[in-house]
Amino acid sequence: MKNGVDLDDIAEAEKRDHASLIRELDIDRGKTNIVFVGQVMRAKGLDELIAAMARVQEEFPDTALYIVGDHCIDAHIGYRAELDEAIRNCCLMNVTFTGWRSDACDIVSVMDIFVLPSHSEGVPHTVLEAMALGKPILATEVGSVADIVDDENTGLMVPAKDTEALAVALRRLVGDLSLRDRLGRRGREAVFETAP
């Protein structure tokens, strides 16, 4: 099945100079940078991700989380305040909400790990783009994600709404550069093999 990823867009994102973007978002390349791209809403599982990141930072304090996206509709506006409170309560450091960005693909290109902790999904295009960029994927076993991410081969899969499983998988990725490299390389190959 063709995946619909525009490889020209991927190539453009990879070759652009990201120095100004790195400065703007205060990205520390000495940290392990984790990114989520999508709507800021409860169904995306961001509260589980925040709780998992707190556990990860107990072992790996040099990690950072970038949440790229916005609430999109007013019904979800209060969720951001809940996340901010959870971040304070967990004493979580290095969390950046970027808001909606037209350069999300460029942001993903300078990150180390892509995570999608959703409670439900269709076919998430952001996962395919992150794979095409060679990023290791951590995603929940929902919707068509399992058709895209091959567990332990092109990414890691965990059950939805399982904070502990999410934390364990994140710790594995943060602590094992060779695993990240292998998953990222195989994910990229899988996308390029099925590109139009």
N, C-alpha and C. Protein backbone atom coordinates (compact mmCIF):
# COMPACT_ATOMS: atom_id res chain seq x y z
N MET A 1 0.84 -1.18 0.00
CA MET A 1 0.00 0.00 0.00
C MET A 1 0.88 1.24 0.00
N LYS A 2 0.60 2.17 -0.89
CA LYS A 2 1.33 3.42 -0.93
C LYS A 2 0.97 4.24 0.29
N ASN A 3 1.96 4.94 0.84
CA ASN A 3 1.72 5.58 2.14
C ASN A 3 1.38 7.06 2.08
N GLY A 4 1.52 7.70 0.94
CA GLY A 4 1.12 9.10 0.82
C GLY A 4 2.12 10.10 1.35
N VAL A 5 3.29 9.67 1.79
CA VAL A 5 4.31 10.61 2.27
C VAL A 5 5.02 11.23 1.07
N ASP A 6 5.12 12.55 1.08
CA ASP A 6 5.82 13.27 0.02
C ASP A 6 7.31 13.29 0.36
N LEU A 7 8.07 12.46 -0.33
CA LEU A 7 9.49 12.34 -0.02
C LEU A 7 10.26 13.60 -0.37
N ASP A 8 9.73 14.41 -1.29
CA ASP A 8 10.37 15.69 -1.59
C ASP A 8 10.29 16.62 -0.38
N ASP A 9 9.13 16.62 0.29
CA ASP A 9 8.98 17.42 1.51
C ASP A 9 9.94 16.96 2.59
N ILE A 10 10.10 15.64 2.71
CA ILE A 10 11.03 15.08 3.70
C ILE A 10 12.46 15.51 3.39
N ALA A 11 12.83 15.41 2.11
CA ALA A 11 14.19 15.80 1.70
C ALA A 11 14.43 17.28 1.95
N GLU A 12 13.43 18.11 1.68
CA GLU A 12 13.57 19.55 1.92
C GLU A 12 13.76 19.83 3.41
N ALA A 13 12.96 19.15 4.25
CA ALA A 13 13.07 19.36 5.70
C ALA A 13 14.44 18.94 6.20
N GLU A 14 14.99 17.87 5.64
CA GLU A 14 16.29 17.37 6.09
C GLU A 14 17.43 18.28 5.69
N LYS A 15 17.32 18.92 4.53
CA LYS A 15 18.46 19.70 4.05
C LYS A 15 18.44 21.16 4.48
N ARG A 16 17.30 21.63 5.03
CA ARG A 16 17.25 23.02 5.48
C ARG A 16 18.18 23.25 6.66
N ASP A 17 18.69 24.45 6.76
CA ASP A 17 19.51 24.85 7.90
C ASP A 17 18.55 25.13 9.07
N HIS A 18 18.71 24.38 10.15
CA HIS A 18 17.80 24.50 11.28
C HIS A 18 18.37 25.30 12.45
N ALA A 19 19.45 26.01 12.20
CA ALA A 19 20.10 26.74 13.30
C ALA A 19 19.15 27.74 13.95
N SER A 20 18.39 28.48 13.15
CA SER A 20 17.49 29.48 13.73
C SER A 20 16.33 28.81 14.47
N LEU A 21 15.85 27.69 13.95
CA LEU A 21 14.78 26.95 14.61
C LEU A 21 15.26 26.42 15.96
N ILE A 22 16.47 25.90 16.00
CA ILE A 22 17.04 25.37 17.24
C ILE A 22 17.19 26.48 18.27
N ARG A 23 17.59 27.66 17.82
CA ARG A 23 17.70 28.81 18.73
C ARG A 23 16.31 29.24 19.21
N GLU A 24 15.37 29.34 18.27
CA GLU A 24 14.02 29.81 18.62
C GLU A 24 13.37 28.93 19.68
N LEU A 25 13.48 27.62 19.52
CA LEU A 25 12.84 26.69 20.45
C LEU A 25 13.75 26.27 21.60
N ASP A 26 14.96 26.86 21.64
CA ASP A 26 15.91 26.58 22.72
C ASP A 26 16.17 25.08 22.84
N ILE A 27 16.43 24.46 21.70
CA ILE A 27 16.69 23.01 21.66
C ILE A 27 18.15 22.76 22.03
N ASP A 28 18.34 21.97 23.06
CA ASP A 28 19.68 21.60 23.51
C ASP A 28 20.03 20.26 22.90
N ARG A 29 20.95 20.25 21.95
CA ARG A 29 21.31 19.00 21.27
C ARG A 29 22.05 18.04 22.18
N GLY A 30 22.44 18.50 23.36
CA GLY A 30 23.07 17.62 24.34
C GLY A 30 22.06 16.79 25.12
N LYS A 31 20.79 17.15 25.00
CA LYS A 31 19.72 16.39 25.64
C LYS A 31 19.13 15.38 24.65
N THR A 32 18.39 14.41 25.17
CA THR A 32 17.59 13.54 24.32
C THR A 32 16.25 14.22 24.17
N ASN A 33 15.94 14.64 22.94
CA ASN A 33 14.75 15.43 22.67
C ASN A 33 13.64 14.56 22.09
N ILE A 34 12.50 14.61 22.74
CA ILE A 34 11.34 13.78 22.42
C ILE A 34 10.25 14.70 21.90
N VAL A 35 9.55 14.27 20.85
CA VAL A 35 8.54 15.14 20.26
C VAL A 35 7.22 14.41 20.05
N PHE A 36 6.15 15.14 20.30
CA PHE A 36 4.78 14.74 19.96
C PHE A 36 4.26 15.79 18.99
N VAL A 37 3.56 15.35 17.94
CA VAL A 37 2.93 16.27 17.00
C VAL A 37 1.45 15.89 16.89
N GLY A 38 0.57 16.84 17.15
CA GLY A 38 -0.86 16.56 17.02
C GLY A 38 -1.68 17.54 17.83
N GLN A 39 -2.97 17.30 17.88
CA GLN A 39 -3.86 18.16 18.65
C GLN A 39 -3.63 17.96 20.15
N VAL A 40 -3.72 19.05 20.88
CA VAL A 40 -3.60 18.98 22.33
C VAL A 40 -5.00 18.73 22.88
N MET A 41 -5.31 17.44 23.01
CA MET A 41 -6.62 17.01 23.49
C MET A 41 -6.46 15.70 24.22
N ARG A 42 -7.42 15.39 25.09
CA ARG A 42 -7.32 14.22 25.97
C ARG A 42 -7.11 12.92 25.21
N ALA A 43 -7.76 12.77 24.06
CA ALA A 43 -7.67 11.53 23.30
C ALA A 43 -6.28 11.25 22.76
N LYS A 44 -5.40 12.25 22.80
CA LYS A 44 -4.02 12.05 22.34
C LYS A 44 -3.11 11.48 23.43
N GLY A 45 -3.63 11.34 24.65
CA GLY A 45 -2.86 10.69 25.71
C GLY A 45 -1.72 11.50 26.28
N LEU A 46 -1.82 12.82 26.20
CA LEU A 46 -0.70 13.64 26.66
C LEU A 46 -0.55 13.62 28.18
N ASP A 47 -1.64 13.38 28.91
CA ASP A 47 -1.49 13.28 30.37
C ASP A 47 -0.67 12.05 30.74
N GLU A 48 -0.86 10.93 30.01
CA GLU A 48 -0.02 9.75 30.25
C GLU A 48 1.43 10.04 29.86
N LEU A 49 1.62 10.79 28.78
CA LEU A 49 2.98 11.12 28.35
C LEU A 49 3.69 11.98 29.39
N ILE A 50 2.99 12.95 29.95
CA ILE A 50 3.59 13.80 30.99
C ILE A 50 3.99 12.96 32.20
N ALA A 51 3.10 12.06 32.63
CA ALA A 51 3.41 11.20 33.78
C ALA A 51 4.57 10.27 33.47
N ALA A 52 4.61 9.75 32.23
CA ALA A 52 5.72 8.87 31.83
C ALA A 52 7.03 9.63 31.79
N MET A 53 7.00 10.86 31.28
CA MET A 53 8.22 11.68 31.22
C MET A 53 8.78 11.95 32.61
N ALA A 54 7.89 12.14 33.59
CA ALA A 54 8.35 12.36 34.96
C ALA A 54 9.14 11.16 35.45
N ARG A 55 8.70 9.97 35.10
CA ARG A 55 9.42 8.75 35.50
C ARG A 55 10.73 8.62 34.73
N VAL A 56 10.71 8.99 33.47
CA VAL A 56 11.93 8.93 32.65
C VAL A 56 12.98 9.88 33.22
N GLN A 57 12.55 11.09 33.60
CA GLN A 57 13.53 12.07 34.08
C GLN A 57 14.13 11.72 35.43
N GLU A 58 13.51 10.82 36.17
CA GLU A 58 14.13 10.34 37.40
C GLU A 58 15.44 9.62 37.09
N GLU A 59 15.48 8.91 35.97
CA GLU A 59 16.68 8.17 35.56
C GLU A 59 17.52 8.96 34.56
N PHE A 60 16.84 9.70 33.69
CA PHE A 60 17.52 10.44 32.63
C PHE A 60 17.09 11.91 32.68
N PRO A 61 17.71 12.70 33.56
CA PRO A 61 17.29 14.11 33.69
C PRO A 61 17.55 14.94 32.43
N ASP A 62 18.50 14.52 31.61
CA ASP A 62 18.81 15.28 30.40
C ASP A 62 17.91 14.88 29.24
N THR A 63 16.61 14.95 29.47
CA THR A 63 15.63 14.71 28.42
C THR A 63 14.72 15.93 28.33
N ALA A 64 14.19 16.14 27.14
CA ALA A 64 13.28 17.26 26.93
C ALA A 64 12.11 16.78 26.07
N LEU A 65 10.95 17.38 26.31
CA LEU A 65 9.74 17.03 25.56
C LEU A 65 9.22 18.27 24.85
N TYR A 66 8.95 18.11 23.56
CA TYR A 66 8.35 19.17 22.75
C TYR A 66 6.98 18.70 22.28
N ILE A 67 5.96 19.47 22.60
CA ILE A 67 4.59 19.17 22.20
C ILE A 67 4.22 20.17 21.12
N VAL A 68 4.11 19.67 19.90
CA VAL A 68 3.87 20.52 18.73
C VAL A 68 2.42 20.37 18.33
N GLY A 69 1.64 21.43 18.50
CA GLY A 69 0.23 21.39 18.17
C GLY A 69 -0.56 22.30 19.09
N ASP A 70 -1.86 22.35 18.87
CA ASP A 70 -2.72 23.22 19.66
C ASP A 70 -4.03 22.49 19.93
N HIS A 71 -4.90 23.13 20.72
CA HIS A 71 -6.17 22.49 21.09
C HIS A 71 -7.18 22.51 19.95
N CYS A 72 -7.00 23.37 18.96
CA CYS A 72 -7.82 23.44 17.72
C CYS A 72 -9.26 23.89 17.95
N ILE A 73 -9.96 23.31 18.89
CA ILE A 73 -11.33 23.75 19.16
C ILE A 73 -11.47 24.10 20.64
N ASP A 74 -12.39 25.01 20.94
CA ASP A 74 -12.54 25.53 22.30
C ASP A 74 -12.86 24.45 23.33
N ALA A 75 -13.49 23.37 22.89
CA ALA A 75 -13.86 22.30 23.82
C ALA A 75 -12.63 21.69 24.51
N HIS A 76 -11.46 21.84 23.89
CA HIS A 76 -10.24 21.23 24.45
C HIS A 76 -9.32 22.25 25.13
N ILE A 77 -9.76 23.49 25.21
CA ILE A 77 -8.85 24.54 25.71
C ILE A 77 -8.44 24.31 27.16
N GLY A 78 -9.33 23.75 27.99
CA GLY A 78 -9.01 23.52 29.39
C GLY A 78 -8.00 22.41 29.62
N TYR A 79 -7.84 21.54 28.64
CA TYR A 79 -6.92 20.41 28.79
C TYR A 79 -5.48 20.88 28.93
N ARG A 80 -5.13 21.93 28.23
CA ARG A 80 -3.78 22.47 28.33
C ARG A 80 -3.48 22.90 29.77
N ALA A 81 -4.46 23.53 30.42
CA ALA A 81 -4.27 23.94 31.81
C ALA A 81 -4.06 22.73 32.71
N GLU A 82 -4.77 21.64 32.45
CA GLU A 82 -4.58 20.40 33.22
C GLU A 82 -3.16 19.87 33.03
N LEU A 83 -2.67 19.93 31.79
CA LEU A 83 -1.31 19.45 31.51
C LEU A 83 -0.28 20.32 32.22
N ASP A 84 -0.48 21.64 32.20
CA ASP A 84 0.44 22.54 32.90
C ASP A 84 0.48 22.23 34.39
N GLU A 85 -0.68 21.95 34.97
CA GLU A 85 -0.73 21.60 36.39
C GLU A 85 -0.02 20.28 36.66
N ALA A 86 -0.22 19.30 35.77
CA ALA A 86 0.46 18.00 35.93
C ALA A 86 1.97 18.17 35.84
N ILE A 87 2.43 19.02 34.94
CA ILE A 87 3.86 19.28 34.80
C ILE A 87 4.42 19.87 36.09
N ARG A 88 3.69 20.82 36.68
CA ARG A 88 4.13 21.42 37.95
C ARG A 88 4.12 20.38 39.07
N ASN A 89 3.06 19.60 39.15
CA ASN A 89 2.94 18.61 40.22
C ASN A 89 4.01 17.53 40.13
N CYS A 90 4.41 17.18 38.90
CA CYS A 90 5.46 16.15 38.70
C CYS A 90 6.86 16.73 38.79
N CYS A 91 6.95 18.07 38.93
CA CYS A 91 8.25 18.75 38.89
C CYS A 91 9.01 18.40 37.61
N LEU A 92 8.26 18.30 36.53
CA LEU A 92 8.83 17.92 35.23
C LEU A 92 9.56 19.12 34.63
N MET A 93 10.74 18.87 34.12
CA MET A 93 11.56 19.93 33.53
C MET A 93 11.59 19.77 32.01
N ASN A 94 11.95 20.86 31.35
CA ASN A 94 12.23 20.83 29.91
C ASN A 94 11.05 20.38 29.06
N VAL A 95 9.87 20.95 29.31
CA VAL A 95 8.70 20.68 28.47
C VAL A 95 8.34 21.97 27.74
N THR A 96 8.23 21.88 26.43
CA THR A 96 7.91 23.05 25.60
C THR A 96 6.67 22.78 24.78
N PHE A 97 5.68 23.65 24.91
CA PHE A 97 4.52 23.64 24.03
C PHE A 97 4.78 24.65 22.93
N THR A 98 4.86 24.22 21.71
CA THR A 98 5.20 25.14 20.62
C THR A 98 3.97 25.79 20.01
N GLY A 99 2.77 25.24 20.28
CA GLY A 99 1.59 25.67 19.54
C GLY A 99 1.61 25.07 18.15
N TRP A 100 0.62 25.44 17.34
CA TRP A 100 0.56 24.94 15.97
C TRP A 100 1.72 25.51 15.18
N ARG A 101 2.38 24.66 14.40
CA ARG A 101 3.53 25.09 13.60
C ARG A 101 3.43 24.57 12.18
N SER A 102 3.68 25.44 11.22
CA SER A 102 3.71 25.01 9.82
C SER A 102 5.01 24.26 9.51
N ASP A 103 6.00 24.39 10.39
CA ASP A 103 7.30 23.72 10.20
C ASP A 103 7.46 22.50 11.11
N ALA A 104 6.35 21.82 11.40
CA ALA A 104 6.40 20.66 12.30
C ALA A 104 7.37 19.60 11.80
N CYS A 105 7.41 19.39 10.50
CA CYS A 105 8.32 18.38 9.94
C CYS A 105 9.78 18.75 10.21
N ASP A 106 10.09 20.03 10.13
CA ASP A 106 11.45 20.48 10.43
C ASP A 106 11.78 20.25 11.90
N ILE A 107 10.80 20.50 12.78
CA ILE A 107 11.03 20.28 14.20
C ILE A 107 11.31 18.80 14.45
N VAL A 108 10.51 17.92 13.86
CA VAL A 108 10.72 16.48 14.04
C VAL A 108 12.11 16.09 13.54
N SER A 109 12.57 16.73 12.47
CA SER A 109 13.86 16.35 11.89
C SER A 109 15.03 16.58 12.83
N VAL A 110 14.88 17.48 13.82
CA VAL A 110 15.98 17.74 14.76
C VAL A 110 15.76 17.07 16.11
N MET A 111 14.74 16.24 16.21
CA MET A 111 14.45 15.52 17.45
C MET A 111 15.09 14.13 17.45
N ASP A 112 15.06 13.47 18.59
CA ASP A 112 15.66 12.14 18.73
C ASP A 112 14.63 11.02 18.76
N ILE A 113 13.45 11.28 19.29
CA ILE A 113 12.41 10.26 19.45
C ILE A 113 11.06 10.89 19.14
N PHE A 114 10.22 10.16 18.41
CA PHE A 114 8.85 10.61 18.14
C PHE A 114 7.89 9.72 18.92
N VAL A 115 6.96 10.36 19.64
CA VAL A 115 6.02 9.57 20.45
C VAL A 115 4.59 9.97 20.13
N LEU A 116 3.72 8.97 20.03
CA LEU A 116 2.29 9.17 19.80
C LEU A 116 1.53 8.30 20.79
N PRO A 117 1.12 8.87 21.94
CA PRO A 117 0.48 8.07 22.99
C PRO A 117 -1.05 8.06 22.93
N SER A 118 -1.61 8.12 21.75
CA SER A 118 -3.05 8.31 21.55
C SER A 118 -3.90 7.18 22.12
N HIS A 119 -5.14 7.55 22.49
CA HIS A 119 -6.14 6.56 22.89
C HIS A 119 -6.85 5.97 21.68
N SER A 120 -6.89 6.72 20.58
CA SER A 120 -7.48 6.24 19.34
C SER A 120 -6.85 7.01 18.19
N GLU A 121 -6.78 6.37 17.03
CA GLU A 121 -6.18 6.99 15.84
C GLU A 121 -6.78 6.35 14.60
N GLY A 122 -6.65 7.05 13.50
CA GLY A 122 -6.91 6.46 12.18
C GLY A 122 -5.57 6.00 11.63
N VAL A 123 -5.13 6.67 10.56
CA VAL A 123 -3.80 6.43 10.00
C VAL A 123 -3.01 7.72 10.22
N PRO A 124 -2.21 7.79 11.26
CA PRO A 124 -1.53 9.05 11.60
C PRO A 124 -0.38 9.36 10.64
N HIS A 125 -0.58 10.39 9.84
CA HIS A 125 0.42 10.80 8.85
C HIS A 125 1.70 11.26 9.53
N THR A 126 1.58 11.83 10.73
CA THR A 126 2.76 12.31 11.44
C THR A 126 3.73 11.17 11.76
N VAL A 127 3.21 9.99 12.03
CA VAL A 127 4.07 8.84 12.30
C VAL A 127 4.86 8.47 11.05
N LEU A 128 4.18 8.44 9.92
CA LEU A 128 4.85 8.11 8.66
C LEU A 128 5.94 9.13 8.34
N GLU A 129 5.66 10.41 8.57
CA GLU A 129 6.66 11.44 8.30
C GLU A 129 7.86 11.28 9.24
N ALA A 130 7.59 11.01 10.51
CA ALA A 130 8.69 10.83 11.45
C ALA A 130 9.54 9.61 11.07
N MET A 131 8.89 8.55 10.63
CA MET A 131 9.64 7.37 10.18
C MET A 131 10.49 7.72 8.96
N ALA A 132 9.91 8.46 8.02
CA ALA A 132 10.66 8.86 6.82
C ALA A 132 11.87 9.70 7.18
N LEU A 133 11.77 10.44 8.28
CA LEU A 133 12.89 11.25 8.76
C LEU A 133 13.89 10.44 9.58
N GLY A 134 13.64 9.14 9.72
CA GLY A 134 14.56 8.26 10.41
C GLY A 134 14.47 8.31 11.92
N LYS A 135 13.30 8.74 12.44
CA LYS A 135 13.14 8.84 13.89
C LYS A 135 12.54 7.56 14.46
N PRO A 136 13.05 7.08 15.59
CA PRO A 136 12.43 5.93 16.24
C PRO A 136 11.06 6.32 16.77
N ILE A 137 10.10 5.44 16.62
CA ILE A 137 8.72 5.72 16.98
C ILE A 137 8.35 4.96 18.25
N LEU A 138 7.64 5.65 19.13
CA LEU A 138 6.98 5.00 20.26
C LEU A 138 5.51 5.37 20.14
N ALA A 139 4.65 4.36 19.98
CA ALA A 139 3.24 4.64 19.75
C ALA A 139 2.37 3.62 20.48
N THR A 140 1.12 3.97 20.64
CA THR A 140 0.17 3.07 21.28
C THR A 140 -0.52 2.19 20.23
N GLU A 141 -0.98 1.04 20.70
CA GLU A 141 -1.58 0.03 19.83
C GLU A 141 -3.04 0.37 19.56
N VAL A 142 -3.25 1.39 18.75
CA VAL A 142 -4.62 1.84 18.46
C VAL A 142 -4.80 2.06 16.96
N GLY A 143 -6.04 1.97 16.50
CA GLY A 143 -6.35 2.26 15.11
C GLY A 143 -5.47 1.51 14.14
N SER A 144 -4.97 2.24 13.16
CA SER A 144 -4.11 1.64 12.13
C SER A 144 -2.63 1.80 12.44
N VAL A 145 -2.31 2.23 13.65
CA VAL A 145 -0.90 2.44 13.98
C VAL A 145 -0.11 1.14 13.86
N ALA A 146 -0.71 0.02 14.28
CA ALA A 146 0.00 -1.26 14.19
C ALA A 146 0.24 -1.69 12.75
N ASP A 147 -0.52 -1.14 11.81
CA ASP A 147 -0.27 -1.41 10.40
C ASP A 147 0.92 -0.63 9.88
N ILE A 148 1.29 0.42 10.61
CA ILE A 148 2.39 1.30 10.20
C ILE A 148 3.68 0.95 10.94
N VAL A 149 3.55 0.77 12.26
CA VAL A 149 4.72 0.54 13.11
C VAL A 149 4.82 -0.95 13.43
N ASP A 150 5.94 -1.54 13.07
CA ASP A 150 6.23 -2.94 13.34
C ASP A 150 6.99 -3.01 14.67
N ASP A 151 6.32 -3.48 15.72
CA ASP A 151 6.89 -3.46 17.06
C ASP A 151 8.25 -4.15 17.10
N GLU A 152 9.22 -3.46 17.69
CA GLU A 152 10.60 -3.92 17.86
C GLU A 152 11.39 -3.92 16.55
N ASN A 153 10.76 -3.53 15.45
CA ASN A 153 11.47 -3.49 14.17
C ASN A 153 11.58 -2.06 13.65
N THR A 154 10.45 -1.35 13.56
CA THR A 154 10.48 0.05 13.12
C THR A 154 10.06 1.01 14.23
N GLY A 155 9.73 0.47 15.37
CA GLY A 155 9.33 1.29 16.51
C GLY A 155 8.94 0.41 17.68
N LEU A 156 8.48 1.03 18.73
CA LEU A 156 7.99 0.31 19.90
C LEU A 156 6.51 0.61 20.07
N MET A 157 5.73 -0.40 20.42
CA MET A 157 4.30 -0.26 20.62
C MET A 157 3.96 -0.60 22.07
N VAL A 158 3.06 0.18 22.64
CA VAL A 158 2.59 -0.07 24.01
C VAL A 158 1.07 0.05 24.04
N PRO A 159 0.41 -0.54 25.04
CA PRO A 159 -1.04 -0.38 25.15
C PRO A 159 -1.42 1.08 25.42
N ALA A 160 -2.56 1.49 24.92
CA ALA A 160 -3.06 2.84 25.19
C ALA A 160 -3.41 2.99 26.68
N LYS A 161 -3.25 4.19 27.18
CA LYS A 161 -3.60 4.56 28.55
C LYS A 161 -2.77 3.83 29.60
N ASP A 162 -1.61 3.31 29.22
CA ASP A 162 -0.75 2.57 30.14
C ASP A 162 0.52 3.38 30.40
N THR A 163 0.46 4.22 31.43
CA THR A 163 1.57 5.12 31.72
C THR A 163 2.86 4.36 32.00
N GLU A 164 2.77 3.26 32.74
CA GLU A 164 3.97 2.51 33.09
C GLU A 164 4.63 1.92 31.86
N ALA A 165 3.83 1.33 30.98
CA ALA A 165 4.40 0.76 29.74
C ALA A 165 5.03 1.85 28.89
N LEU A 166 4.39 3.01 28.85
CA LEU A 166 4.93 4.14 28.08
C LEU A 166 6.27 4.58 28.68
N ALA A 167 6.34 4.65 30.00
CA ALA A 167 7.57 5.07 30.67
C ALA A 167 8.69 4.06 30.44
N VAL A 168 8.37 2.78 30.52
CA VAL A 168 9.38 1.73 30.31
C VAL A 168 9.94 1.82 28.89
N ALA A 169 9.06 1.97 27.92
CA ALA A 169 9.50 2.04 26.52
C ALA A 169 10.32 3.30 26.27
N LEU A 170 9.89 4.43 26.86
CA LEU A 170 10.66 5.67 26.70
C LEU A 170 12.05 5.54 27.31
N ARG A 171 12.11 4.93 28.50
CA ARG A 171 13.43 4.73 29.13
C ARG A 171 14.33 3.87 28.26
N ARG A 172 13.75 2.83 27.63
CA ARG A 172 14.55 2.00 26.72
C ARG A 172 15.14 2.83 25.58
N LEU A 173 14.30 3.67 24.98
CA LEU A 173 14.77 4.46 23.85
C LEU A 173 15.78 5.52 24.27
N VAL A 174 15.51 6.19 25.36
CA VAL A 174 16.44 7.22 25.83
C VAL A 174 17.79 6.61 26.17
N GLY A 175 17.77 5.45 26.79
CA GLY A 175 19.01 4.84 27.27
C GLY A 175 19.77 4.01 26.26
N ASP A 176 19.23 3.82 25.08
CA ASP A 176 19.86 2.90 24.12
C ASP A 176 19.92 3.54 22.74
N LEU A 177 21.03 4.23 22.48
CA LEU A 177 21.21 4.92 21.19
C LEU A 177 21.21 3.94 20.03
N SER A 178 21.79 2.76 20.23
CA SER A 178 21.84 1.78 19.13
C SER A 178 20.43 1.30 18.78
N LEU A 179 19.56 1.16 19.78
CA LEU A 179 18.17 0.79 19.52
C LEU A 179 17.48 1.89 18.73
N ARG A 180 17.67 3.13 19.14
CA ARG A 180 17.08 4.26 18.42
C ARG A 180 17.54 4.28 16.97
N ASP A 181 18.84 4.09 16.77
CA ASP A 181 19.38 4.11 15.41
C ASP A 181 18.79 2.99 14.56
N ARG A 182 18.69 1.80 15.14
CA ARG A 182 18.16 0.65 14.39
C ARG A 182 16.69 0.85 14.02
N LEU A 183 15.89 1.25 14.99
CA LEU A 183 14.47 1.47 14.72
C LEU A 183 14.27 2.59 13.70
N GLY A 184 15.04 3.66 13.86
CA GLY A 184 14.92 4.78 12.93
C GLY A 184 15.31 4.41 11.52
N ARG A 185 16.38 3.66 11.39
CA ARG A 185 16.84 3.24 10.06
C ARG A 185 15.82 2.32 9.39
N ARG A 186 15.32 1.36 10.13
CA ARG A 186 14.35 0.41 9.56
C ARG A 186 13.02 1.08 9.25
N GLY A 187 12.62 2.03 10.09
CA GLY A 187 11.39 2.76 9.82
C GLY A 187 11.50 3.58 8.56
N ARG A 188 12.63 4.23 8.38
CA ARG A 188 12.86 5.02 7.16
C ARG A 188 12.81 4.13 5.93
N GLU A 189 13.49 2.98 6.01
CA GLU A 189 13.49 2.05 4.89
C GLU A 189 12.07 1.60 4.55
N ALA A 190 11.26 1.32 5.58
CA ALA A 190 9.89 0.84 5.36
C ALA A 190 9.05 1.90 4.64
N VAL A 191 9.21 3.16 5.03
CA VAL A 191 8.44 4.23 4.38
C VAL A 191 8.89 4.43 2.94
N PHE A 192 10.18 4.43 2.73
CA PHE A 192 10.68 4.66 1.37
C PHE A 192 10.30 3.51 0.44
N GLU A 193 10.20 2.30 0.97
CA GLU A 193 9.79 1.16 0.14
C GLU A 193 8.34 1.25 -0.30
N THR A 194 7.50 1.94 0.47
CA THR A 194 6.07 2.01 0.14
C THR A 194 5.65 3.39 -0.32
N ALA A 195 6.62 4.29 -0.56
CA ALA A 195 6.28 5.64 -1.00
C ALA A 195 5.78 5.60 -2.44
N PRO A 196 4.91 6.57 -2.82
CA PRO A 196 4.38 6.60 -4.19
C PRO A 196 5.47 6.95 -5.20
